Amino acid sequence: MQMTRDEIYRSRREFFNNHAEMWLDMWYKDRATGRYDKHGMDFERLFSLVPLKPGDHVLDVGCGTGVLVPFILQRITTKGMLYELDFADRMLETNRQLHKEENIRFVLADAESAALAKASCDSVVCFSCFPHFDDKAKAMINLSGILKPGGTFVVSHFDSSEGINKHHESCHAVMHDRLPDQSVMRDLLKAVSLTIDLFIDEPGFYCIIATK
């Protein structure tokens, strides 16, 4: 029996909530060393491409338990502000428990409806979350509105679009969540006046850098 859109949404949110406490162990822990640096080189590559600087305001969309927090805070310093946004309350609560810095604000909302001030962020980063947006076009309209003119919009995964989609197909809760092909992604960004500066889609690394 085919699931309704509401059922897909609830199943997706339940999946992330149920895995919140073990998320970092599942995807970012190096089993050999016990350290959370399994993707250390990938994160270094990603943040070598994202132009963050001290004092920036950054929106971390689909932040989960906050794997990006140390990398972003290191670059924006205490002068900046980091908004951690997620639609799964347990993910956000785990994130809050792990990260106590005073320049973090936690926002429980969908990407489509997050009510941050217009043109308030220097960068909007969508790491490992874009396929899970319920309405991608609506999410792009909202997120691009939060971005300042001249600001940077990022979509990234540590796999190719083909790899991400195959992986999601193997999990019932997110089997409907697809990373659109390149032409669709380009159209989504163009529709909200974002200019693509970089588009990488290769085994182990996917990254779009665009400017408003």
N, C-alpha and C. Protein backbone atom coordinates (compact mmCIF):
# COMPACT_ATOMS: atom_id res chain seq x y z
N MET A 1 0.84 -1.20 0.00
CA MET A 1 0.00 0.00 0.00
C MET A 1 0.88 1.25 0.00
N GLN A 2 0.59 2.18 -0.89
CA GLN A 2 1.40 3.38 -1.02
C GLN A 2 1.15 4.33 0.14
N MET A 3 2.24 4.89 0.68
CA MET A 3 2.13 5.82 1.80
C MET A 3 1.71 7.20 1.31
N THR A 4 0.94 7.90 2.13
CA THR A 4 0.60 9.27 1.82
C THR A 4 1.78 10.17 2.15
N ARG A 5 1.73 11.41 1.69
CA ARG A 5 2.81 12.35 1.96
C ARG A 5 2.97 12.58 3.45
N ASP A 6 1.86 12.67 4.17
CA ASP A 6 1.92 12.88 5.63
C ASP A 6 2.54 11.67 6.31
N GLU A 7 2.22 10.48 5.85
CA GLU A 7 2.77 9.26 6.43
C GLU A 7 4.28 9.18 6.17
N ILE A 8 4.71 9.56 4.99
CA ILE A 8 6.14 9.59 4.67
C ILE A 8 6.87 10.56 5.60
N TYR A 9 6.27 11.73 5.80
CA TYR A 9 6.88 12.75 6.66
C TYR A 9 7.01 12.24 8.10
N ARG A 10 5.95 11.64 8.62
CA ARG A 10 5.98 11.14 10.00
C ARG A 10 6.98 9.99 10.15
N SER A 11 7.04 9.12 9.15
CA SER A 11 7.98 8.01 9.18
C SER A 11 9.42 8.51 9.18
N ARG A 12 9.68 9.52 8.36
CA ARG A 12 11.01 10.13 8.28
C ARG A 12 11.41 10.74 9.62
N ARG A 13 10.53 11.53 10.20
CA ARG A 13 10.84 12.18 11.47
C ARG A 13 11.02 11.16 12.59
N GLU A 14 10.19 10.13 12.60
CA GLU A 14 10.32 9.08 13.62
C GLU A 14 11.66 8.36 13.49
N PHE A 15 12.09 8.11 12.27
CA PHE A 15 13.38 7.45 12.04
C PHE A 15 14.51 8.26 12.64
N PHE A 16 14.55 9.56 12.36
CA PHE A 16 15.63 10.38 12.87
C PHE A 16 15.56 10.53 14.39
N ASN A 17 14.38 10.67 14.93
CA ASN A 17 14.24 10.75 16.38
C ASN A 17 14.71 9.47 17.06
N ASN A 18 14.36 8.34 16.49
CA ASN A 18 14.72 7.06 17.10
C ASN A 18 16.22 6.79 17.06
N HIS A 19 16.94 7.42 16.13
CA HIS A 19 18.37 7.18 15.99
C HIS A 19 19.24 8.33 16.51
N ALA A 20 18.62 9.32 17.13
CA ALA A 20 19.35 10.53 17.53
C ALA A 20 20.54 10.24 18.44
N GLU A 21 20.34 9.45 19.47
CA GLU A 21 21.39 9.24 20.47
C GLU A 21 22.57 8.45 19.92
N MET A 22 22.37 7.69 18.85
CA MET A 22 23.44 6.87 18.30
C MET A 22 23.94 7.38 16.94
N TRP A 23 23.44 8.54 16.51
CA TRP A 23 23.73 9.02 15.16
C TRP A 23 25.21 9.21 14.90
N LEU A 24 25.91 9.87 15.80
CA LEU A 24 27.34 10.11 15.61
C LEU A 24 28.11 8.80 15.57
N ASP A 25 27.73 7.85 16.42
CA ASP A 25 28.39 6.54 16.42
C ASP A 25 28.16 5.80 15.10
N MET A 26 26.95 5.93 14.57
CA MET A 26 26.59 5.20 13.35
C MET A 26 27.38 5.68 12.14
N TRP A 27 27.59 6.98 12.02
CA TRP A 27 28.09 7.53 10.77
C TRP A 27 29.43 8.23 10.85
N TYR A 28 29.87 8.61 12.03
CA TYR A 28 31.08 9.44 12.11
C TYR A 28 32.18 8.90 13.01
N LYS A 29 31.94 7.78 13.65
CA LYS A 29 32.94 7.20 14.53
C LYS A 29 33.84 6.22 13.77
N ASP A 30 35.14 6.40 13.91
CA ASP A 30 36.12 5.47 13.34
C ASP A 30 36.21 4.26 14.26
N ARG A 31 35.79 3.12 13.77
CA ARG A 31 35.76 1.91 14.61
C ARG A 31 37.14 1.49 15.07
N ALA A 32 38.14 1.79 14.26
CA ALA A 32 39.50 1.37 14.59
C ALA A 32 40.09 2.21 15.72
N THR A 33 39.80 3.49 15.73
CA THR A 33 40.43 4.39 16.70
C THR A 33 39.50 4.79 17.85
N GLY A 34 38.17 4.67 17.61
CA GLY A 34 37.21 5.11 18.61
C GLY A 34 36.96 6.60 18.60
N ARG A 35 37.63 7.30 17.68
CA ARG A 35 37.46 8.76 17.58
C ARG A 35 36.40 9.09 16.52
N TYR A 36 35.82 10.27 16.68
CA TYR A 36 34.78 10.69 15.74
C TYR A 36 35.40 11.48 14.58
N ASP A 37 36.32 10.83 13.89
CA ASP A 37 37.02 11.48 12.79
C ASP A 37 37.04 10.61 11.53
N LYS A 38 36.03 9.78 11.40
CA LYS A 38 35.93 8.90 10.23
C LYS A 38 35.98 9.68 8.93
N HIS A 39 35.35 10.86 8.92
CA HIS A 39 35.30 11.67 7.71
C HIS A 39 36.13 12.95 7.86
N GLY A 40 37.19 12.87 8.64
CA GLY A 40 38.01 14.05 8.89
C GLY A 40 38.50 14.72 7.63
N MET A 41 39.00 13.95 6.69
CA MET A 41 39.52 14.52 5.45
C MET A 41 38.40 15.12 4.60
N ASP A 42 37.23 14.49 4.65
CA ASP A 42 36.08 15.00 3.88
C ASP A 42 35.62 16.34 4.44
N PHE A 43 35.59 16.46 5.78
CA PHE A 43 35.19 17.73 6.38
C PHE A 43 36.21 18.83 6.07
N GLU A 44 37.47 18.49 6.09
CA GLU A 44 38.49 19.48 5.74
C GLU A 44 38.32 19.95 4.30
N ARG A 45 38.02 19.02 3.42
CA ARG A 45 37.79 19.40 2.02
C ARG A 45 36.56 20.30 1.91
N LEU A 46 35.49 19.91 2.57
CA LEU A 46 34.26 20.70 2.50
C LEU A 46 34.49 22.13 2.97
N PHE A 47 35.12 22.28 4.14
CA PHE A 47 35.26 23.61 4.70
C PHE A 47 36.40 24.41 4.07
N SER A 48 37.20 23.75 3.25
CA SER A 48 38.14 24.52 2.44
C SER A 48 37.43 25.22 1.29
N LEU A 49 36.21 24.77 0.99
CA LEU A 49 35.43 25.32 -0.11
C LEU A 49 34.39 26.35 0.36
N VAL A 50 34.06 26.31 1.65
CA VAL A 50 33.01 27.20 2.19
C VAL A 50 33.67 28.42 2.82
N PRO A 51 33.39 29.62 2.32
CA PRO A 51 34.10 30.82 2.78
C PRO A 51 33.54 31.40 4.08
N LEU A 52 33.80 30.73 5.19
CA LEU A 52 33.37 31.23 6.49
C LEU A 52 34.47 32.09 7.10
N LYS A 53 34.06 33.10 7.86
CA LYS A 53 35.04 34.00 8.49
C LYS A 53 34.52 34.44 9.85
N PRO A 54 35.41 34.93 10.72
CA PRO A 54 34.99 35.40 12.05
C PRO A 54 33.85 36.42 11.95
N GLY A 55 32.85 36.22 12.78
CA GLY A 55 31.71 37.13 12.82
C GLY A 55 30.55 36.74 11.94
N ASP A 56 30.71 35.72 11.10
CA ASP A 56 29.62 35.30 10.22
C ASP A 56 28.46 34.71 11.02
N HIS A 57 27.26 34.87 10.48
CA HIS A 57 26.07 34.19 10.97
C HIS A 57 25.78 33.04 10.01
N VAL A 58 25.67 31.83 10.54
CA VAL A 58 25.55 30.63 9.71
C VAL A 58 24.32 29.83 10.12
N LEU A 59 23.55 29.40 9.13
CA LEU A 59 22.43 28.49 9.36
C LEU A 59 22.83 27.10 8.93
N ASP A 60 22.83 26.16 9.88
CA ASP A 60 23.16 24.76 9.65
C ASP A 60 21.84 24.00 9.55
N VAL A 61 21.40 23.74 8.32
CA VAL A 61 20.09 23.15 8.06
C VAL A 61 20.16 21.63 8.19
N GLY A 62 19.14 21.04 8.82
CA GLY A 62 19.16 19.60 9.02
C GLY A 62 20.36 19.19 9.83
N CYS A 63 20.62 19.95 10.88
CA CYS A 63 21.87 19.84 11.65
C CYS A 63 22.02 18.53 12.38
N GLY A 64 20.91 17.84 12.65
CA GLY A 64 21.00 16.60 13.41
C GLY A 64 21.61 16.83 14.77
N THR A 65 22.55 15.98 15.14
CA THR A 65 23.18 16.08 16.45
C THR A 65 24.37 17.03 16.47
N GLY A 66 24.61 17.72 15.35
CA GLY A 66 25.60 18.80 15.36
C GLY A 66 27.00 18.43 14.92
N VAL A 67 27.11 17.54 13.95
CA VAL A 67 28.44 17.12 13.52
C VAL A 67 29.24 18.28 12.92
N LEU A 68 28.55 19.28 12.37
CA LEU A 68 29.26 20.42 11.78
C LEU A 68 29.64 21.50 12.79
N VAL A 69 29.08 21.45 13.97
CA VAL A 69 29.26 22.54 14.94
C VAL A 69 30.73 22.90 15.18
N PRO A 70 31.62 21.96 15.50
CA PRO A 70 33.01 22.34 15.77
C PRO A 70 33.69 23.01 14.58
N PHE A 71 33.40 22.52 13.37
CA PHE A 71 34.03 23.08 12.17
C PHE A 71 33.56 24.51 11.91
N ILE A 72 32.27 24.74 12.11
CA ILE A 72 31.74 26.08 11.87
C ILE A 72 32.20 27.06 12.94
N LEU A 73 32.11 26.66 14.21
CA LEU A 73 32.50 27.56 15.29
C LEU A 73 33.98 27.93 15.22
N GLN A 74 34.80 26.98 14.80
CA GLN A 74 36.23 27.26 14.67
C GLN A 74 36.47 28.41 13.70
N ARG A 75 35.62 28.51 12.69
CA ARG A 75 35.82 29.51 11.64
C ARG A 75 35.10 30.83 11.90
N ILE A 76 33.93 30.79 12.51
CA ILE A 76 33.21 32.05 12.76
C ILE A 76 33.60 32.66 14.10
N THR A 77 34.25 31.87 14.95
CA THR A 77 34.71 32.27 16.29
C THR A 77 33.54 32.73 17.16
N THR A 78 33.85 33.23 18.33
CA THR A 78 32.80 33.69 19.26
C THR A 78 32.14 34.97 18.77
N LYS A 79 32.70 35.59 17.75
CA LYS A 79 32.10 36.80 17.19
C LYS A 79 30.89 36.47 16.31
N GLY A 80 30.80 35.23 15.84
CA GLY A 80 29.73 34.84 14.94
C GLY A 80 28.56 34.22 15.67
N MET A 81 27.56 33.80 14.90
CA MET A 81 26.37 33.15 15.44
C MET A 81 26.02 31.95 14.58
N LEU A 82 25.72 30.84 15.24
CA LEU A 82 25.37 29.61 14.55
C LEU A 82 23.94 29.21 14.90
N TYR A 83 23.13 29.01 13.88
CA TYR A 83 21.75 28.54 14.05
C TYR A 83 21.69 27.07 13.65
N GLU A 84 21.34 26.23 14.61
CA GLU A 84 21.21 24.79 14.38
C GLU A 84 19.73 24.46 14.19
N LEU A 85 19.38 24.07 12.97
CA LEU A 85 17.99 23.86 12.58
C LEU A 85 17.72 22.40 12.25
N ASP A 86 16.69 21.83 12.86
CA ASP A 86 16.28 20.47 12.52
C ASP A 86 14.79 20.30 12.81
N PHE A 87 14.18 19.35 12.11
CA PHE A 87 12.75 19.08 12.31
C PHE A 87 12.50 17.95 13.30
N ALA A 88 13.56 17.25 13.71
CA ALA A 88 13.45 16.12 14.64
C ALA A 88 13.87 16.58 16.03
N ASP A 89 12.92 16.63 16.95
CA ASP A 89 13.19 17.22 18.27
C ASP A 89 14.26 16.47 19.06
N ARG A 90 14.34 15.15 18.93
CA ARG A 90 15.36 14.41 19.68
C ARG A 90 16.75 14.65 19.11
N MET A 91 16.84 14.81 17.81
CA MET A 91 18.12 15.17 17.20
C MET A 91 18.60 16.51 17.78
N LEU A 92 17.70 17.46 17.82
CA LEU A 92 18.05 18.79 18.29
C LEU A 92 18.40 18.78 19.77
N GLU A 93 17.69 17.98 20.55
CA GLU A 93 17.97 17.91 21.98
C GLU A 93 19.34 17.26 22.24
N THR A 94 19.68 16.22 21.48
CA THR A 94 21.01 15.61 21.61
C THR A 94 22.08 16.63 21.25
N ASN A 95 21.84 17.38 20.20
CA ASN A 95 22.76 18.44 19.77
C ASN A 95 22.94 19.46 20.90
N ARG A 96 21.85 19.86 21.50
CA ARG A 96 21.90 20.85 22.57
C ARG A 96 22.72 20.35 23.77
N GLN A 97 22.61 19.06 24.07
CA GLN A 97 23.35 18.48 25.19
C GLN A 97 24.84 18.43 24.90
N LEU A 98 25.20 18.26 23.64
CA LEU A 98 26.61 18.15 23.26
C LEU A 98 27.30 19.50 23.08
N HIS A 99 26.52 20.53 22.78
CA HIS A 99 27.11 21.82 22.43
C HIS A 99 26.50 22.93 23.27
N LYS A 100 27.31 23.47 24.17
CA LYS A 100 26.83 24.46 25.15
C LYS A 100 27.28 25.88 24.84
N GLU A 101 27.92 26.09 23.71
CA GLU A 101 28.46 27.41 23.40
C GLU A 101 27.34 28.46 23.36
N GLU A 102 27.67 29.64 23.82
CA GLU A 102 26.67 30.70 23.95
C GLU A 102 26.24 31.28 22.61
N ASN A 103 27.04 31.10 21.58
CA ASN A 103 26.68 31.68 20.27
C ASN A 103 26.02 30.66 19.35
N ILE A 104 25.29 29.71 19.96
CA ILE A 104 24.47 28.76 19.19
C ILE A 104 23.01 28.98 19.56
N ARG A 105 22.15 29.01 18.55
CA ARG A 105 20.71 29.05 18.75
C ARG A 105 20.11 27.81 18.10
N PHE A 106 19.25 27.10 18.83
CA PHE A 106 18.64 25.88 18.34
C PHE A 106 17.22 26.16 17.87
N VAL A 107 16.92 25.71 16.65
CA VAL A 107 15.63 26.02 16.02
C VAL A 107 14.96 24.72 15.59
N LEU A 108 13.80 24.43 16.18
CA LEU A 108 13.02 23.24 15.81
C LEU A 108 12.00 23.64 14.75
N ALA A 109 12.25 23.24 13.52
CA ALA A 109 11.37 23.61 12.40
C ALA A 109 11.78 22.87 11.15
N ASP A 110 10.88 22.86 10.17
CA ASP A 110 11.22 22.35 8.85
C ASP A 110 11.99 23.42 8.07
N ALA A 111 12.77 22.97 7.12
CA ALA A 111 13.48 23.92 6.26
C ALA A 111 12.50 24.82 5.51
N GLU A 112 11.33 24.29 5.21
CA GLU A 112 10.33 25.04 4.46
C GLU A 112 9.69 26.17 5.26
N SER A 113 9.72 26.06 6.60
CA SER A 113 8.96 27.02 7.41
C SER A 113 9.78 27.69 8.51
N ALA A 114 11.07 27.43 8.57
CA ALA A 114 11.91 28.04 9.61
C ALA A 114 11.80 29.56 9.55
N ALA A 115 11.47 30.15 10.70
CA ALA A 115 11.14 31.59 10.72
C ALA A 115 12.32 32.43 11.18
N LEU A 116 13.46 32.28 10.53
CA LEU A 116 14.59 33.18 10.81
C LEU A 116 14.39 34.47 10.01
N ALA A 117 15.02 35.53 10.48
CA ALA A 117 14.86 36.83 9.83
C ALA A 117 15.39 36.80 8.40
N LYS A 118 14.74 37.53 7.53
CA LYS A 118 15.18 37.62 6.15
C LYS A 118 16.56 38.26 6.06
N ALA A 119 17.37 37.74 5.16
CA ALA A 119 18.72 38.27 4.90
C ALA A 119 19.52 38.41 6.19
N SER A 120 19.47 37.36 7.03
CA SER A 120 20.15 37.42 8.33
C SER A 120 21.40 36.56 8.41
N CYS A 121 21.63 35.69 7.43
CA CYS A 121 22.77 34.77 7.51
C CYS A 121 23.73 34.95 6.33
N ASP A 122 25.01 34.85 6.65
CA ASP A 122 26.06 34.94 5.63
C ASP A 122 26.20 33.64 4.85
N SER A 123 25.88 32.52 5.50
CA SER A 123 25.95 31.22 4.84
C SER A 123 24.81 30.34 5.31
N VAL A 124 24.27 29.57 4.38
CA VAL A 124 23.28 28.53 4.69
C VAL A 124 23.87 27.21 4.21
N VAL A 125 24.03 26.27 5.13
CA VAL A 125 24.69 25.00 4.82
C VAL A 125 23.69 23.86 4.98
N CYS A 126 23.49 23.11 3.91
CA CYS A 126 22.61 21.94 3.93
C CYS A 126 23.50 20.70 3.78
N PHE A 127 23.95 20.17 4.90
CA PHE A 127 24.84 19.01 4.85
C PHE A 127 24.06 17.74 5.14
N SER A 128 24.11 16.82 4.21
CA SER A 128 23.52 15.50 4.38
C SER A 128 22.04 15.55 4.75
N CYS A 129 21.31 16.49 4.15
CA CYS A 129 19.91 16.65 4.51
C CYS A 129 18.99 16.98 3.34
N PHE A 130 19.51 17.48 2.24
CA PHE A 130 18.64 17.99 1.17
C PHE A 130 17.61 16.98 0.68
N PRO A 131 17.94 15.70 0.53
CA PRO A 131 16.93 14.74 0.07
C PRO A 131 15.73 14.63 1.00
N HIS A 132 15.92 14.99 2.27
CA HIS A 132 14.86 14.81 3.26
C HIS A 132 13.90 15.99 3.35
N PHE A 133 14.14 17.05 2.58
CA PHE A 133 13.20 18.16 2.58
C PHE A 133 11.89 17.69 1.95
N ASP A 134 10.79 17.95 2.63
CA ASP A 134 9.49 17.48 2.17
C ASP A 134 9.08 18.17 0.87
N ASP A 135 9.30 19.47 0.78
CA ASP A 135 8.99 20.25 -0.42
C ASP A 135 10.24 21.05 -0.77
N LYS A 136 11.03 20.52 -1.68
CA LYS A 136 12.35 21.11 -1.96
C LYS A 136 12.26 22.52 -2.54
N ALA A 137 11.30 22.76 -3.41
CA ALA A 137 11.16 24.10 -4.00
C ALA A 137 10.78 25.11 -2.93
N LYS A 138 9.86 24.75 -2.05
CA LYS A 138 9.45 25.64 -0.97
C LYS A 138 10.60 25.87 0.01
N ALA A 139 11.36 24.82 0.29
CA ALA A 139 12.52 24.96 1.18
C ALA A 139 13.54 25.92 0.59
N MET A 140 13.76 25.83 -0.70
CA MET A 140 14.73 26.72 -1.35
C MET A 140 14.27 28.18 -1.27
N ILE A 141 13.00 28.41 -1.43
CA ILE A 141 12.47 29.78 -1.33
C ILE A 141 12.71 30.34 0.07
N ASN A 142 12.41 29.53 1.08
CA ASN A 142 12.58 29.99 2.46
C ASN A 142 14.04 30.19 2.83
N LEU A 143 14.87 29.21 2.51
CA LEU A 143 16.29 29.27 2.89
C LEU A 143 17.03 30.37 2.15
N SER A 144 16.73 30.56 0.88
CA SER A 144 17.40 31.62 0.13
C SER A 144 16.98 32.99 0.64
N GLY A 145 15.77 33.08 1.18
CA GLY A 145 15.33 34.34 1.77
C GLY A 145 16.08 34.69 3.03
N ILE A 146 16.51 33.68 3.77
CA ILE A 146 17.27 33.89 5.00
C ILE A 146 18.70 34.33 4.69
N LEU A 147 19.17 34.00 3.51
CA LEU A 147 20.55 34.30 3.11
C LEU A 147 20.70 35.77 2.71
N LYS A 148 21.81 36.37 3.16
CA LYS A 148 22.10 37.75 2.79
C LYS A 148 22.49 37.84 1.31
N PRO A 149 22.25 38.98 0.66
CA PRO A 149 22.80 39.19 -0.68
C PRO A 149 24.32 39.03 -0.64
N GLY A 150 24.85 38.27 -1.59
CA GLY A 150 26.28 37.97 -1.59
C GLY A 150 26.64 36.79 -0.72
N GLY A 151 25.66 36.23 -0.02
CA GLY A 151 25.92 35.09 0.87
C GLY A 151 26.10 33.79 0.12
N THR A 152 26.54 32.76 0.86
CA THR A 152 26.89 31.46 0.27
C THR A 152 25.88 30.39 0.67
N PHE A 153 25.42 29.65 -0.32
CA PHE A 153 24.50 28.53 -0.11
C PHE A 153 25.23 27.24 -0.45
N VAL A 154 25.17 26.27 0.45
CA VAL A 154 25.94 25.03 0.31
C VAL A 154 25.01 23.82 0.42
N VAL A 155 25.18 22.87 -0.49
CA VAL A 155 24.55 21.55 -0.39
C VAL A 155 25.66 20.53 -0.49
N SER A 156 25.78 19.63 0.50
CA SER A 156 26.89 18.68 0.47
C SER A 156 26.53 17.33 1.07
N HIS A 157 27.18 16.30 0.55
CA HIS A 157 27.09 14.92 1.07
C HIS A 157 28.46 14.29 0.91
N PHE A 158 28.72 13.27 1.69
CA PHE A 158 29.95 12.52 1.52
C PHE A 158 29.70 11.24 0.73
N ASP A 159 29.04 11.43 -0.40
CA ASP A 159 28.84 10.39 -1.40
C ASP A 159 28.30 11.08 -2.65
N SER A 160 28.30 10.38 -3.75
CA SER A 160 27.73 10.93 -4.98
C SER A 160 26.21 10.92 -4.89
N SER A 161 25.56 11.62 -5.80
CA SER A 161 24.09 11.59 -5.82
C SER A 161 23.58 10.17 -6.05
N GLU A 162 24.27 9.43 -6.92
CA GLU A 162 23.87 8.05 -7.17
C GLU A 162 24.02 7.20 -5.91
N GLY A 163 25.13 7.39 -5.19
CA GLY A 163 25.35 6.63 -3.97
C GLY A 163 24.34 6.97 -2.88
N ILE A 164 24.04 8.26 -2.74
CA ILE A 164 23.06 8.69 -1.74
C ILE A 164 21.70 8.07 -2.03
N ASN A 165 21.26 8.14 -3.27
CA ASN A 165 19.94 7.62 -3.62
C ASN A 165 19.85 6.11 -3.46
N LYS A 166 20.91 5.40 -3.80
CA LYS A 166 20.93 3.94 -3.59
C LYS A 166 20.87 3.61 -2.11
N HIS A 167 21.59 4.38 -1.31
CA HIS A 167 21.58 4.15 0.13
C HIS A 167 20.18 4.38 0.70
N HIS A 168 19.52 5.43 0.29
CA HIS A 168 18.18 5.71 0.80
C HIS A 168 17.17 4.64 0.38
N GLU A 169 17.36 4.09 -0.79
CA GLU A 169 16.46 3.03 -1.26
C GLU A 169 16.47 1.82 -0.35
N SER A 170 17.58 1.63 0.36
CA SER A 170 17.73 0.45 1.22
C SER A 170 17.09 0.63 2.59
N CYS A 171 16.58 1.83 2.89
CA CYS A 171 15.99 2.11 4.19
C CYS A 171 14.54 2.54 4.00
N HIS A 172 13.63 1.78 4.55
CA HIS A 172 12.19 2.03 4.32
C HIS A 172 11.78 3.43 4.73
N ALA A 173 12.32 3.94 5.84
CA ALA A 173 11.88 5.23 6.38
C ALA A 173 12.24 6.39 5.46
N VAL A 174 13.31 6.25 4.67
CA VAL A 174 13.75 7.36 3.81
C VAL A 174 13.84 6.94 2.34
N MET A 175 13.18 5.86 1.98
CA MET A 175 13.29 5.34 0.62
C MET A 175 12.72 6.31 -0.43
N HIS A 176 11.87 7.23 0.02
CA HIS A 176 11.29 8.21 -0.90
C HIS A 176 12.15 9.48 -1.02
N ASP A 177 13.18 9.58 -0.22
CA ASP A 177 13.97 10.81 -0.14
C ASP A 177 15.12 10.76 -1.15
N ARG A 178 15.00 11.57 -2.19
CA ARG A 178 15.94 11.53 -3.29
C ARG A 178 16.73 12.82 -3.40
N LEU A 179 17.99 12.70 -3.79
CA LEU A 179 18.79 13.86 -4.16
C LEU A 179 18.57 14.07 -5.65
N PRO A 180 17.95 15.19 -6.05
CA PRO A 180 17.62 15.40 -7.46
C PRO A 180 18.85 15.35 -8.36
N ASP A 181 18.61 15.04 -9.66
CA ASP A 181 19.74 15.02 -10.58
C ASP A 181 20.23 16.45 -10.82
N GLN A 182 21.35 16.56 -11.49
CA GLN A 182 22.03 17.85 -11.61
C GLN A 182 21.16 18.91 -12.29
N SER A 183 20.43 18.54 -13.32
CA SER A 183 19.61 19.53 -14.02
C SER A 183 18.51 20.07 -13.12
N VAL A 184 17.91 19.22 -12.33
CA VAL A 184 16.87 19.66 -11.40
C VAL A 184 17.45 20.55 -10.31
N MET A 185 18.61 20.17 -9.79
CA MET A 185 19.25 20.98 -8.76
C MET A 185 19.59 22.37 -9.32
N ARG A 186 20.09 22.41 -10.52
CA ARG A 186 20.42 23.71 -11.13
C ARG A 186 19.17 24.56 -11.28
N ASP A 187 18.06 23.95 -11.67
CA ASP A 187 16.81 24.68 -11.81
C ASP A 187 16.30 25.20 -10.47
N LEU A 188 16.43 24.39 -9.42
CA LEU A 188 15.98 24.80 -8.09
C LEU A 188 16.75 26.02 -7.60
N LEU A 189 18.06 26.03 -7.84
CA LEU A 189 18.87 27.16 -7.40
C LEU A 189 18.62 28.39 -8.26
N LYS A 190 18.49 28.18 -9.55
CA LYS A 190 18.23 29.30 -10.46
C LYS A 190 16.91 29.97 -10.14
N ALA A 191 15.91 29.17 -9.74
CA ALA A 191 14.58 29.70 -9.45
C ALA A 191 14.57 30.69 -8.30
N VAL A 192 15.58 30.60 -7.41
CA VAL A 192 15.66 31.52 -6.26
C VAL A 192 16.87 32.44 -6.39
N SER A 193 17.33 32.63 -7.63
CA SER A 193 18.39 33.59 -7.95
C SER A 193 19.71 33.28 -7.25
N LEU A 194 20.04 31.99 -7.16
CA LEU A 194 21.34 31.58 -6.64
C LEU A 194 22.22 31.17 -7.82
N THR A 195 23.42 31.71 -7.87
CA THR A 195 24.36 31.42 -8.95
C THR A 195 25.34 30.35 -8.50
N ILE A 196 25.42 29.26 -9.24
CA ILE A 196 26.30 28.16 -8.88
C ILE A 196 27.74 28.49 -9.22
N ASP A 197 28.59 28.42 -8.19
CA ASP A 197 30.03 28.65 -8.37
C ASP A 197 30.79 27.33 -8.52
N LEU A 198 30.26 26.27 -7.92
CA LEU A 198 30.95 24.98 -7.92
C LEU A 198 29.91 23.87 -7.83
N PHE A 199 30.06 22.83 -8.65
CA PHE A 199 29.15 21.68 -8.59
C PHE A 199 30.00 20.42 -8.75
N ILE A 200 30.18 19.69 -7.65
CA ILE A 200 30.96 18.45 -7.65
C ILE A 200 30.01 17.30 -7.34
N ASP A 201 30.04 16.27 -8.18
CA ASP A 201 29.26 15.06 -7.93
C ASP A 201 30.12 13.88 -8.34
N GLU A 202 30.85 13.34 -7.37
CA GLU A 202 31.79 12.26 -7.64
C GLU A 202 31.70 11.23 -6.52
N PRO A 203 32.21 10.03 -6.73
CA PRO A 203 32.17 9.03 -5.67
C PRO A 203 32.80 9.55 -4.39
N GLY A 204 32.03 9.54 -3.29
CA GLY A 204 32.53 9.97 -1.99
C GLY A 204 32.38 11.43 -1.68
N PHE A 205 31.95 12.24 -2.65
CA PHE A 205 31.86 13.68 -2.36
C PHE A 205 30.89 14.37 -3.33
N TYR A 206 29.95 15.10 -2.72
CA TYR A 206 28.98 15.90 -3.48
C TYR A 206 28.96 17.29 -2.86
N CYS A 207 29.07 18.31 -3.67
CA CYS A 207 29.09 19.65 -3.12
C CYS A 207 28.64 20.68 -4.15
N ILE A 208 27.69 21.50 -3.75
CA ILE A 208 27.28 22.66 -4.52
C ILE A 208 27.59 23.90 -3.69
N ILE A 209 28.28 24.84 -4.27
CA ILE A 209 28.52 26.14 -3.66
C ILE A 209 27.85 27.18 -4.57
N ALA A 210 26.93 27.95 -4.03
CA ALA A 210 26.22 28.96 -4.83
C ALA A 210 26.19 30.28 -4.08
N THR A 211 26.03 31.35 -4.82
CA THR A 211 26.04 32.70 -4.25
C THR A 211 24.73 33.40 -4.57
N LYS A 212 24.25 34.14 -3.60
CA LYS A 212 23.02 34.92 -3.80
C LYS A 212 23.35 36.28 -4.40
